[in-house]
Amino acid sequence: MGWIINETVNTVKLTDECIDDLWKHKNKFLVNWKNKRDIFKYKSNNKYLKFNDDHMEYICSNVIEILKKHKVNGEICFESVILNDSGTKWGYQFDGIGGFNKIKTIRK
């Protein structure tokens, strides 16, 4: 087993257009989406990126660019819970107008 990553915060709502764009460019990401439904999960009748806890968090520069293009708003944060980097926390903040900041990595 390599690592387990918990999604601790995910407030970035996806539009159908953003999901279509992510699907269109899926070959640029380190993910194995078999269909569009693999990209998102429903929570409170909204769509959010779906993550696999045994893989890296999928937020590569190509995904970030698509999320910025669609002017998403909110945060996506993670915490590693196993092995040497256990307790490490990091995330991404989107401002809703096309801006983005990486949230500083925190180590327990």
PDB file of N, CA and C in Angstrom:
ATOM      1  N   MET A   1       0.844  -1.178   0.000  1.00  0.00           N
ATOM      2  CA  MET A   1       0.000   0.000   0.000  1.00  0.00           C
ATOM      3  C   MET A   1       0.884   1.233   0.000  1.00  0.00           C
ATOM      4  N   GLY A   2       0.629   2.179  -0.904  1.00  0.00           N
ATOM      5  CA  GLY A   2       1.432   3.378  -1.006  1.00  0.00           C
ATOM      6  C   GLY A   2       1.038   4.465  -0.035  1.00  0.00           C
ATOM      7  N   TRP A   3      -0.138   4.984  -0.164  1.00  0.00           N
ATOM      8  CA  TRP A   3      -0.613   6.030   0.722  1.00  0.00           C
ATOM      9  C   TRP A   3      -2.124   6.028   0.733  1.00  0.00           C
ATOM     10  N   ILE A   4      -2.661   6.694   1.716  1.00  0.00           N
ATOM     11  CA  ILE A   4      -4.090   6.966   1.748  1.00  0.00           C
ATOM     12  C   ILE A   4      -4.246   8.449   1.971  1.00  0.00           C
ATOM     13  N   ILE A   5      -5.030   9.065   1.143  1.00  0.00           N
ATOM     14  CA  ILE A   5      -5.251  10.499   1.203  1.00  0.00           C
ATOM     15  C   ILE A   5      -6.722  10.743   1.500  1.00  0.00           C
ATOM     16  N   ASN A   6      -6.982  11.499   2.557  1.00  0.00           N
ATOM     17  CA  ASN A   6      -8.353  11.884   2.875  1.00  0.00           C
ATOM     18  C   ASN A   6      -8.648  13.249   2.286  1.00  0.00           C
ATOM     19  N   GLU A   7      -9.787  13.360   1.674  1.00  0.00           N
ATOM     20  CA  GLU A   7     -10.294  14.666   1.266  1.00  0.00           C
ATOM     21  C   GLU A   7     -10.908  15.272   2.519  1.00  0.00           C
ATOM     22  N   THR A   8     -10.397  16.411   2.970  1.00  0.00           N
ATOM     23  CA  THR A   8     -10.901  17.023   4.204  1.00  0.00           C
ATOM     24  C   THR A   8     -11.866  18.172   3.933  1.00  0.00           C
ATOM     25  N   VAL A   9     -11.704  18.844   2.801  1.00  0.00           N
ATOM     26  CA  VAL A   9     -12.585  19.941   2.407  1.00  0.00           C
ATOM     27  C   VAL A   9     -12.788  19.849   0.905  1.00  0.00           C
ATOM     28  N   ASN A  10     -14.028  20.039   0.467  1.00  0.00           N
ATOM     29  CA  ASN A  10     -14.298  20.082  -0.968  1.00  0.00           C
ATOM     30  C   ASN A  10     -15.559  20.930  -1.170  1.00  0.00           C
ATOM     31  N   THR A  11     -15.360  22.225  -1.364  1.00  0.00           N
ATOM     32  CA  THR A  11     -16.486  23.142  -1.526  1.00  0.00           C
ATOM     33  C   THR A  11     -16.580  23.696  -2.942  1.00  0.00           C
ATOM     34  N   VAL A  12     -15.791  23.165  -3.873  1.00  0.00           N
ATOM     35  CA  VAL A  12     -15.783  23.639  -5.261  1.00  0.00           C
ATOM     36  C   VAL A  12     -16.891  22.932  -6.039  1.00  0.00           C
ATOM     37  N   LYS A  13     -17.950  23.669  -6.333  1.00  0.00           N
ATOM     38  CA  LYS A  13     -19.070  23.124  -7.103  1.00  0.00           C
ATOM     39  C   LYS A  13     -18.715  23.141  -8.583  1.00  0.00           C
ATOM     40  N   LEU A  14     -19.032  22.042  -9.266  1.00  0.00           N
ATOM     41  CA  LEU A  14     -18.750  21.921 -10.692  1.00  0.00           C
ATOM     42  C   LEU A  14     -20.026  22.138 -11.504  1.00  0.00           C
ATOM     43  N   THR A  15     -19.895  22.870 -12.588  1.00  0.00           N
ATOM     44  CA  THR A  15     -20.991  22.998 -13.536  1.00  0.00           C
ATOM     45  C   THR A  15     -20.893  21.845 -14.536  1.00  0.00           C
ATOM     46  N   ASP A  16     -21.967  21.603 -15.253  1.00  0.00           N
ATOM     47  CA  ASP A  16     -21.932  20.574 -16.292  1.00  0.00           C
ATOM     48  C   ASP A  16     -20.911  20.923 -17.364  1.00  0.00           C
ATOM     49  N   GLU A  17     -20.752  22.215 -17.665  1.00  0.00           N
ATOM     50  CA  GLU A  17     -19.773  22.651 -18.664  1.00  0.00           C
ATOM     51  C   GLU A  17     -18.343  22.343 -18.195  1.00  0.00           C
ATOM     52  N   CYS A  18     -18.078  22.549 -16.922  1.00  0.00           N
ATOM     53  CA  CYS A  18     -16.753  22.248 -16.365  1.00  0.00           C
ATOM     54  C   CYS A  18     -16.486  20.746 -16.423  1.00  0.00           C
ATOM     55  N   ILE A  19     -17.490  19.947 -16.079  1.00  0.00           N
ATOM     56  CA  ILE A  19     -17.347  18.486 -16.147  1.00  0.00           C
ATOM     57  C   ILE A  19     -17.081  18.045 -17.585  1.00  0.00           C
ATOM     58  N   ASP A  20     -17.798  18.631 -18.531  1.00  0.00           N
ATOM     59  CA  ASP A  20     -17.570  18.309 -19.946  1.00  0.00           C
ATOM     60  C   ASP A  20     -16.142  18.645 -20.354  1.00  0.00           C
ATOM     61  N   ASP A  21     -15.638  19.780 -19.892  1.00  0.00           N
ATOM     62  CA  ASP A  21     -14.273  20.204 -20.214  1.00  0.00           C
ATOM     63  C   ASP A  21     -13.243  19.260 -19.588  1.00  0.00           C
ATOM     64  N   LEU A  22     -13.460  18.861 -18.341  1.00  0.00           N
ATOM     65  CA  LEU A  22     -12.561  17.896 -17.698  1.00  0.00           C
ATOM     66  C   LEU A  22     -12.557  16.574 -18.463  1.00  0.00           C
ATOM     67  N   TRP A  23     -13.733  16.123 -18.867  1.00  0.00           N
ATOM     68  CA  TRP A  23     -13.842  14.871 -19.630  1.00  0.00           C
ATOM     69  C   TRP A  23     -13.110  14.986 -20.964  1.00  0.00           C
ATOM     70  N   LYS A  24     -13.294  16.102 -21.632  1.00  0.00           N
ATOM     71  CA  LYS A  24     -12.673  16.324 -22.935  1.00  0.00           C
ATOM     72  C   LYS A  24     -11.144  16.245 -22.852  1.00  0.00           C
ATOM     73  N   HIS A  25     -10.566  16.672 -21.735  1.00  0.00           N
ATOM     74  CA  HIS A  25      -9.112  16.717 -21.564  1.00  0.00           C
ATOM     75  C   HIS A  25      -8.592  15.628 -20.637  1.00  0.00           C
ATOM     76  N   LYS A  26      -9.378  14.596 -20.387  1.00  0.00           N
ATOM     77  CA  LYS A  26      -9.014  13.567 -19.404  1.00  0.00           C
ATOM     78  C   LYS A  26      -7.666  12.894 -19.676  1.00  0.00           C
ATOM     79  N   ASN A  27      -7.247  12.837 -20.913  1.00  0.00           N
ATOM     80  CA  ASN A  27      -5.970  12.188 -21.225  1.00  0.00           C
ATOM     81  C   ASN A  27      -4.769  12.972 -20.703  1.00  0.00           C
ATOM     82  N   LYS A  28      -4.975  14.195 -20.239  1.00  0.00           N
ATOM     83  CA  LYS A  28      -3.891  15.011 -19.679  1.00  0.00           C
ATOM     84  C   LYS A  28      -3.732  14.805 -18.173  1.00  0.00           C
ATOM     85  N   PHE A  29      -4.616  13.999 -17.561  1.00  0.00           N
ATOM     86  CA  PHE A  29      -4.610  13.819 -16.115  1.00  0.00           C
ATOM     87  C   PHE A  29      -4.165  12.409 -15.759  1.00  0.00           C
ATOM     88  N   LEU A  30      -3.698  12.250 -14.521  1.00  0.00           N
ATOM     89  CA  LEU A  30      -3.298  10.929 -14.030  1.00  0.00           C
ATOM     90  C   LEU A  30      -4.481  10.257 -13.345  1.00  0.00           C
ATOM     91  N   VAL A  31      -5.563  10.102 -14.085  1.00  0.00           N
ATOM     92  CA  VAL A  31      -6.765   9.476 -13.551  1.00  0.00           C
ATOM     93  C   VAL A  31      -7.259   8.435 -14.545  1.00  0.00           C
ATOM     94  N   ASN A  32      -8.135   7.580 -14.078  1.00  0.00           N
ATOM     95  CA  ASN A  32      -8.672   6.534 -14.932  1.00  0.00           C
ATOM     96  C   ASN A  32     -10.195   6.660 -14.979  1.00  0.00           C
ATOM     97  N   TRP A  33     -10.677   7.775 -15.521  1.00  0.00           N
ATOM     98  CA  TRP A  33     -12.107   7.982 -15.653  1.00  0.00           C
ATOM     99  C   TRP A  33     -12.616   7.159 -16.824  1.00  0.00           C
ATOM    100  N   LYS A  34     -13.573   6.302 -16.571  1.00  0.00           N
ATOM    101  CA  LYS A  34     -14.161   5.481 -17.634  1.00  0.00           C
ATOM    102  C   LYS A  34     -15.379   6.153 -18.258  1.00  0.00           C
ATOM    103  N   ASN A  35     -16.009   7.056 -17.488  1.00  0.00           N
ATOM    104  CA  ASN A  35     -17.139   7.830 -18.000  1.00  0.00           C
ATOM    105  C   ASN A  35     -17.237   9.133 -17.201  1.00  0.00           C
ATOM    106  N   LYS A  36     -18.066  10.039 -17.649  1.00  0.00           N
ATOM    107  CA  LYS A  36     -18.173  11.345 -16.982  1.00  0.00           C
ATOM    108  C   LYS A  36     -18.599  11.226 -15.527  1.00  0.00           C
ATOM    109  N   ARG A  37     -19.383  10.229 -15.222  1.00  0.00           N
ATOM    110  CA  ARG A  37     -19.865  10.049 -13.840  1.00  0.00           C
ATOM    111  C   ARG A  37     -18.713   9.799 -12.864  1.00  0.00           C
ATOM    112  N   ASP A  38     -17.574   9.319 -13.355  1.00  0.00           N
ATOM    113  CA  ASP A  38     -16.399   9.099 -12.500  1.00  0.00           C
ATOM    114  C   ASP A  38     -15.761  10.406 -12.040  1.00  0.00           C
ATOM    115  N   ILE A  39     -16.061  11.505 -12.686  1.00  0.00           N
ATOM    116  CA  ILE A  39     -15.433  12.793 -12.392  1.00  0.00           C
ATOM    117  C   ILE A  39     -16.011  13.437 -11.140  1.00  0.00           C
ATOM    118  N   PHE A  40     -17.294  13.259 -10.898  1.00  0.00           N
ATOM    119  CA  PHE A  40     -17.946  14.010  -9.835  1.00  0.00           C
ATOM    120  C   PHE A  40     -18.760  13.116  -8.907  1.00  0.00           C
ATOM    121  N   LYS A  41     -19.078  13.700  -7.762  1.00  0.00           N
ATOM    122  CA  LYS A  41     -19.983  13.083  -6.798  1.00  0.00           C
ATOM    123  C   LYS A  41     -21.054  14.110  -6.454  1.00  0.00           C
ATOM    124  N   TYR A  42     -22.207  13.638  -6.057  1.00  0.00           N
ATOM    125  CA  TYR A  42     -23.282  14.515  -5.616  1.00  0.00           C
ATOM    126  C   TYR A  42     -23.212  14.707  -4.113  1.00  0.00           C
ATOM    127  N   LYS A  43     -23.420  15.944  -3.691  1.00  0.00           N
ATOM    128  CA  LYS A  43     -23.549  16.259  -2.273  1.00  0.00           C
ATOM    129  C   LYS A  43     -24.502  17.450  -2.200  1.00  0.00           C
ATOM    130  N   SER A  44     -25.588  17.311  -1.506  1.00  0.00           N
ATOM    131  CA  SER A  44     -26.586  18.385  -1.372  1.00  0.00           C
ATOM    132  C   SER A  44     -27.022  18.914  -2.732  1.00  0.00           C
ATOM    133  N   ASN A  45     -27.265  18.000  -3.662  1.00  0.00           N
ATOM    134  CA  ASN A  45     -27.729  18.343  -5.015  1.00  0.00           C
ATOM    135  C   ASN A  45     -26.745  19.172  -5.835  1.00  0.00           C
ATOM    136  N   ASN A  46     -25.484  19.181  -5.446  1.00  0.00           N
ATOM    137  CA  ASN A  46     -24.432  19.838  -6.215  1.00  0.00           C
ATOM    138  C   ASN A  46     -23.405  18.792  -6.626  1.00  0.00           C
ATOM    139  N   LYS A  47     -22.602  19.129  -7.628  1.00  0.00           N
ATOM    140  CA  LYS A  47     -21.567  18.222  -8.120  1.00  0.00           C
ATOM    141  C   LYS A  47     -20.197  18.735  -7.695  1.00  0.00           C
ATOM    142  N   TYR A  48     -19.377  17.822  -7.180  1.00  0.00           N
ATOM    143  CA  TYR A  48     -18.028  18.124  -6.705  1.00  0.00           C
ATOM    144  C   TYR A  48     -17.074  17.087  -7.294  1.00  0.00           C
ATOM    145  N   LEU A  49     -15.791  17.464  -7.462  1.00  0.00           N
ATOM    146  CA  LEU A  49     -14.808  16.484  -7.926  1.00  0.00           C
ATOM    147  C   LEU A  49     -14.800  15.283  -7.000  1.00  0.00           C
ATOM    148  N   LYS A  50     -14.669  14.109  -7.590  1.00  0.00           N
ATOM    149  CA  LYS A  50     -14.597  12.874  -6.820  1.00  0.00           C
ATOM    150  C   LYS A  50     -13.132  12.435  -6.761  1.00  0.00           C
ATOM    151  N   PHE A  51     -12.689  11.992  -5.590  1.00  0.00           N
ATOM    152  CA  PHE A  51     -11.304  11.585  -5.395  1.00  0.00           C
ATOM    153  C   PHE A  51     -11.221  10.154  -4.911  1.00  0.00           C
ATOM    154  N   ASN A  52     -10.125   9.493  -5.241  1.00  0.00           N
ATOM    155  CA  ASN A  52      -9.841   8.140  -4.803  1.00  0.00           C
ATOM    156  C   ASN A  52      -8.773   8.238  -3.724  1.00  0.00           C
ATOM    157  N   ASP A  53      -9.025   7.693  -2.534  1.00  0.00           N
ATOM    158  CA  ASP A  53      -8.095   7.862  -1.412  1.00  0.00           C
ATOM    159  C   ASP A  53      -6.787   7.092  -1.550  1.00  0.00           C
ATOM    160  N   ASP A  54      -6.654   6.256  -2.565  1.00  0.00           N
ATOM    161  CA  ASP A  54      -5.419   5.505  -2.750  1.00  0.00           C
ATOM    162  C   ASP A  54      -4.598   6.034  -3.928  1.00  0.00           C
ATOM    163  N   HIS A  55      -4.971   7.180  -4.437  1.00  0.00           N
ATOM    164  CA  HIS A  55      -4.227   7.800  -5.528  1.00  0.00           C
ATOM    165  C   HIS A  55      -3.889   9.238  -5.164  1.00  0.00           C
ATOM    166  N   MET A  56      -3.005   9.829  -5.917  1.00  0.00           N
ATOM    167  CA  MET A  56      -2.720  11.233  -5.693  1.00  0.00           C
ATOM    168  C   MET A  56      -3.999  12.001  -5.935  1.00  0.00           C
ATOM    169  N   GLU A  57      -4.082  13.195  -5.465  1.00  0.00           N
ATOM    170  CA  GLU A  57      -5.342  13.913  -5.384  1.00  0.00           C
ATOM    171  C   GLU A  57      -5.906  14.431  -6.698  1.00  0.00           C
ATOM    172  N   TYR A  58      -5.270  14.156  -7.817  1.00  0.00           N
ATOM    173  CA  TYR A  58      -5.769  14.512  -9.146  1.00  0.00           C
ATOM    174  C   TYR A  58      -5.652  15.998  -9.465  1.00  0.00           C
ATOM    175  N   ILE A  59      -5.239  16.807  -8.547  1.00  0.00           N
ATOM    176  CA  ILE A  59      -5.164  18.238  -8.836  1.00  0.00           C
ATOM    177  C   ILE A  59      -3.798  18.530  -9.455  1.00  0.00           C
ATOM    178  N   CYS A  60      -3.692  18.285 -10.742  1.00  0.00           N
ATOM    179  CA  CYS A  60      -2.482  18.626 -11.472  1.00  0.00           C
ATOM    180  C   CYS A  60      -2.703  19.989 -12.138  1.00  0.00           C
ATOM    181  N   SER A  61      -1.671  20.535 -12.728  1.00  0.00           N
ATOM    182  CA  SER A  61      -1.783  21.869 -13.323  1.00  0.00           C
ATOM    183  C   SER A  61      -2.851  21.925 -14.413  1.00  0.00           C
ATOM    184  N   ASN A  62      -3.054  20.844 -15.150  1.00  0.00           N
ATOM    185  CA  ASN A  62      -4.081  20.841 -16.198  1.00  0.00           C
ATOM    186  C   ASN A  62      -5.492  20.921 -15.612  1.00  0.00           C
ATOM    187  N   VAL A  63      -5.726  20.218 -14.504  1.00  0.00           N
ATOM    188  CA  VAL A  63      -7.026  20.306 -13.839  1.00  0.00           C
ATOM    189  C   VAL A  63      -7.228  21.713 -13.282  1.00  0.00           C
ATOM    190  N   ILE A  64      -6.202  22.249 -12.657  1.00  0.00           N
ATOM    191  CA  ILE A  64      -6.282  23.606 -12.100  1.00  0.00           C
ATOM    192  C   ILE A  64      -6.651  24.607 -13.187  1.00  0.00           C
ATOM    193  N   GLU A  65      -6.033  24.503 -14.347  1.00  0.00           N
ATOM    194  CA  GLU A  65      -6.330  25.436 -15.435  1.00  0.00           C
ATOM    195  C   GLU A  65      -7.787  25.351 -15.873  1.00  0.00           C
ATOM    196  N   ILE A  66      -8.333  24.157 -15.933  1.00  0.00           N
ATOM    197  CA  ILE A  66      -9.745  24.011 -16.316  1.00  0.00           C
ATOM    198  C   ILE A  66     -10.650  24.585 -15.234  1.00  0.00           C
ATOM    199  N   LEU A  67     -10.338  24.311 -13.966  1.00  0.00           N
ATOM    200  CA  LEU A  67     -11.151  24.867 -12.884  1.00  0.00           C
ATOM    201  C   LEU A  67     -11.092  26.391 -12.879  1.00  0.00           C
ATOM    202  N   LYS A  68      -9.917  26.963 -13.115  1.00  0.00           N
ATOM    203  CA  LYS A  68      -9.784  28.429 -13.196  1.00  0.00           C
ATOM    204  C   LYS A  68     -10.574  28.977 -14.376  1.00  0.00           C
ATOM    205  N   LYS A  69     -10.488  28.307 -15.506  1.00  0.00           N
ATOM    206  CA  LYS A  69     -11.209  28.732 -16.703  1.00  0.00           C
ATOM    207  C   LYS A  69     -12.711  28.825 -16.434  1.00  0.00           C
ATOM    208  N   HIS A  70     -13.220  27.894 -15.633  1.00  0.00           N
ATOM    209  CA  HIS A  70     -14.647  27.863 -15.315  1.00  0.00           C
ATOM    210  C   HIS A  70     -14.985  28.682 -14.068  1.00  0.00           C
ATOM    211  N   LYS A  71     -13.998  29.393 -13.558  1.00  0.00           N
ATOM    212  CA  LYS A  71     -14.177  30.331 -12.439  1.00  0.00           C
ATOM    213  C   LYS A  71     -14.879  29.690 -11.247  1.00  0.00           C
ATOM    214  N   VAL A  72     -14.380  28.516 -10.878  1.00  0.00           N
ATOM    215  CA  VAL A  72     -14.935  27.845  -9.707  1.00  0.00           C
ATOM    216  C   VAL A  72     -14.562  28.618  -8.445  1.00  0.00           C
ATOM    217  N   ASN A  73     -15.305  28.363  -7.387  1.00  0.00           N
ATOM    218  CA  ASN A  73     -15.080  29.053  -6.126  1.00  0.00           C
ATOM    219  C   ASN A  73     -15.066  28.022  -4.998  1.00  0.00           C
ATOM    220  N   GLY A  74     -14.134  28.159  -4.085  1.00  0.00           N
ATOM    221  CA  GLY A  74     -14.082  27.278  -2.922  1.00  0.00           C
ATOM    222  C   GLY A  74     -12.721  26.664  -2.710  1.00  0.00           C
ATOM    223  N   GLU A  75     -12.682  25.685  -1.839  1.00  0.00           N
ATOM    224  CA  GLU A  75     -11.431  25.021  -1.473  1.00  0.00           C
ATOM    225  C   GLU A  75     -11.545  23.511  -1.640  1.00  0.00           C
ATOM    226  N   ILE A  76     -10.408  22.913  -1.965  1.00  0.00           N
ATOM    227  CA  ILE A  76     -10.259  21.462  -1.978  1.00  0.00           C
ATOM    228  C   ILE A  76      -9.000  21.174  -1.168  1.00  0.00           C
ATOM    229  N   CYS A  77      -9.150  20.422  -0.070  1.00  0.00           N
ATOM    230  CA  CYS A  77      -8.020  20.148   0.817  1.00  0.00           C
ATOM    231  C   CYS A  77      -7.913  18.656   1.115  1.00  0.00           C
ATOM    232  N   PHE A  78      -6.690  18.236   1.424  1.00  0.00           N
ATOM    233  CA  PHE A  78      -6.379  16.825   1.647  1.00  0.00           C
ATOM    234  C   PHE A  78      -5.473  16.661   2.852  1.00  0.00           C
ATOM    235  N   GLU A  79      -5.441  15.425   3.351  1.00  0.00           N
ATOM    236  CA  GLU A  79      -4.517  15.056   4.411  1.00  0.00           C
ATOM    237  C   GLU A  79      -4.045  13.634   4.154  1.00  0.00           C
ATOM    238  N   SER A  80      -2.738  13.443   4.237  1.00  0.00           N
ATOM    239  CA  SER A  80      -2.172  12.101   4.121  1.00  0.00           C
ATOM    240  C   SER A  80      -2.298  11.424   5.480  1.00  0.00           C
ATOM    241  N   VAL A  81      -2.719  10.159   5.471  1.00  0.00           N
ATOM    242  CA  VAL A  81      -2.983   9.490   6.747  1.00  0.00           C
ATOM    243  C   VAL A  81      -2.161   8.222   6.956  1.00  0.00           C
ATOM    244  N   ILE A  82      -1.162   7.989   6.125  1.00  0.00           N
ATOM    245  CA  ILE A  82      -0.390   6.758   6.278  1.00  0.00           C
ATOM    246  C   ILE A  82       1.063   6.993   5.847  1.00  0.00           C
ATOM    247  N   LEU A  83       1.955   6.234   6.413  1.00  0.00           N
ATOM    248  CA  LEU A  83       3.390   6.225   6.104  1.00  0.00           C
ATOM    249  C   LEU A  83       4.101   7.510   6.520  1.00  0.00           C
ATOM    250  N   ASN A  84       5.221   7.793   5.886  1.00  0.00           N
ATOM    251  CA  ASN A  84       6.095   8.884   6.314  1.00  0.00           C
ATOM    252  C   ASN A  84       5.462  10.266   6.281  1.00  0.00           C
ATOM    253  N   ASP A  85       4.553  10.481   5.361  1.00  0.00           N
ATOM    254  CA  ASP A  85       3.958  11.816   5.267  1.00  0.00           C
ATOM    255  C   ASP A  85       2.615  11.913   5.995  1.00  0.00           C
ATOM    256  N   SER A  86       2.328  10.980   6.872  1.00  0.00           N
ATOM    257  CA  SER A  86       1.090  11.003   7.637  1.00  0.00           C
ATOM    258  C   SER A  86       0.964  12.325   8.387  1.00  0.00           C
ATOM    259  N   GLY A  87      -0.196  12.932   8.296  1.00  0.00           N
ATOM    260  CA  GLY A  87      -0.438  14.218   8.952  1.00  0.00           C
ATOM    261  C   GLY A  87      -0.177  15.418   8.068  1.00  0.00           C
ATOM    262  N   THR A  88       0.405  15.204   6.901  1.00  0.00           N
ATOM    263  CA  THR A  88       0.646  16.305   5.979  1.00  0.00           C
ATOM    264  C   THR A  88      -0.683  16.758   5.393  1.00  0.00           C
ATOM    265  N   LYS A  89      -0.908  18.084   5.387  1.00  0.00           N
ATOM    266  CA  LYS A  89      -2.143  18.656   4.861  1.00  0.00           C
ATOM    267  C   LYS A  89      -1.799  19.677   3.786  1.00  0.00           C
ATOM    268  N   TRP A  90      -2.618  19.720   2.741  1.00  0.00           N
ATOM    269  CA  TRP A  90      -2.420  20.681   1.671  1.00  0.00           C
ATOM    270  C   TRP A  90      -3.745  20.905   0.963  1.00  0.00           C
ATOM    271  N   GLY A  91      -3.789  21.942   0.163  1.00  0.00           N
ATOM    272  CA  GLY A  91      -5.033  22.195  -0.542  1.00  0.00           C
ATOM    273  C   GLY A  91      -4.914  23.299  -1.568  1.00  0.00           C
ATOM    274  N   TYR A  92      -6.054  23.627  -2.132  1.00  0.00           N
ATOM    275  CA  TYR A  92      -6.143  24.584  -3.219  1.00  0.00           C
ATOM    276  C   TYR A  92      -7.363  25.459  -2.990  1.00  0.00           C
ATOM    277  N   GLN A  93      -7.208  26.752  -3.256  1.00  0.00           N
ATOM    278  CA  GLN A  93      -8.291  27.702  -3.058  1.00  0.00           C
ATOM    279  C   GLN A  93      -8.548  28.424  -4.373  1.00  0.00           C
ATOM    280  N   PHE A  94      -9.813  28.443  -4.786  1.00  0.00           N
ATOM    281  CA  PHE A  94     -10.227  29.098  -6.018  1.00  0.00           C
ATOM    282  C   PHE A  94     -11.143  30.260  -5.658  1.00  0.00           C
ATOM    283  N   ASP A  95     -10.953  31.409  -6.323  1.00  0.00           N
ATOM    284  CA  ASP A  95     -11.634  32.637  -5.908  1.00  0.00           C
ATOM    285  C   ASP A  95     -12.918  32.972  -6.657  1.00  0.00           C
ATOM    286  N   GLY A  96     -13.319  32.166  -7.632  1.00  0.00           N
ATOM    287  CA  GLY A  96     -14.558  32.412  -8.351  1.00  0.00           C
ATOM    288  C   GLY A  96     -14.438  33.393  -9.505  1.00  0.00           C
ATOM    289  N   ILE A  97     -13.264  33.960  -9.704  1.00  0.00           N
ATOM    290  CA  ILE A  97     -13.043  34.898 -10.819  1.00  0.00           C
ATOM    291  C   ILE A  97     -11.852  34.473 -11.677  1.00  0.00           C
ATOM    292  N   GLY A  98     -11.444  33.224 -11.521  1.00  0.00           N
ATOM    293  CA  GLY A  98     -10.349  32.697 -12.327  1.00  0.00           C
ATOM    294  C   GLY A  98      -9.016  32.649 -11.619  1.00  0.00           C
ATOM    295  N   GLY A  99      -8.994  33.021 -10.345  1.00  0.00           N
ATOM    296  CA  GLY A  99      -7.747  32.994  -9.573  1.00  0.00           C
ATOM    297  C   GLY A  99      -7.618  31.718  -8.762  1.00  0.00           C
ATOM    298  N   PHE A 100      -6.401  31.466  -8.297  1.00  0.00           N
ATOM    299  CA  PHE A 100      -6.080  30.213  -7.616  1.00  0.00           C
ATOM    300  C   PHE A 100      -4.900  30.430  -6.685  1.00  0.00           C
ATOM    301  N   ASN A 101      -4.942  29.799  -5.527  1.00  0.00           N
ATOM    302  CA  ASN A 101      -3.815  29.787  -4.583  1.00  0.00           C
ATOM    303  C   ASN A 101      -3.651  28.385  -4.048  1.00  0.00           C
ATOM    304  N   LYS A 102      -2.398  27.968  -3.892  1.00  0.00           N
ATOM    305  CA  LYS A 102      -2.136  26.694  -3.233  1.00  0.00           C
ATOM    306  C   LYS A 102      -2.085  27.000  -1.733  1.00  0.00           C
ATOM    307  N   ILE A 103      -2.810  26.208  -0.968  1.00  0.00           N
ATOM    308  CA  ILE A 103      -2.798  26.372   0.481  1.00  0.00           C
ATOM    309  C   ILE A 103      -1.556  25.682   1.001  1.00  0.00           C
ATOM    310  N   LYS A 104      -0.822  26.371   1.833  1.00  0.00           N
ATOM    311  CA  LYS A 104       0.463  25.904   2.326  1.00  0.00           C
ATOM    312  C   LYS A 104       0.380  24.501   2.925  1.00  0.00           C
ATOM    313  N   THR A 105       1.371  23.693   2.613  1.00  0.00           N
ATOM    314  CA  THR A 105       1.475  22.362   3.175  1.00  0.00           C
ATOM    315  C   THR A 105       1.767  22.467   4.663  1.00  0.00           C
ATOM    316  N   ILE A 106       1.025  21.745   5.449  1.00  0.00           N
ATOM    317  CA  ILE A 106       1.175  21.752   6.912  1.00  0.00           C
ATOM    318  C   ILE A 106       1.546  20.349   7.336  1.00  0.00           C
ATOM    319  N   ARG A 107       2.533  20.232   8.180  1.00  0.00           N
ATOM    320  CA  ARG A 107       2.953  18.922   8.680  1.00  0.00           C
ATOM    321  C   ARG A 107       2.763  18.902  10.183  1.00  0.00           C
ATOM    322  N   LYS A 108       2.123  17.842  10.708  1.00  0.00           N
ATOM    323  CA  LYS A 108       1.929  17.708  12.161  1.00  0.00           C
ATOM    324  C   LYS A 108       3.249  17.539  12.850  1.00  0.00           C
TER     325      LYS A 108
END
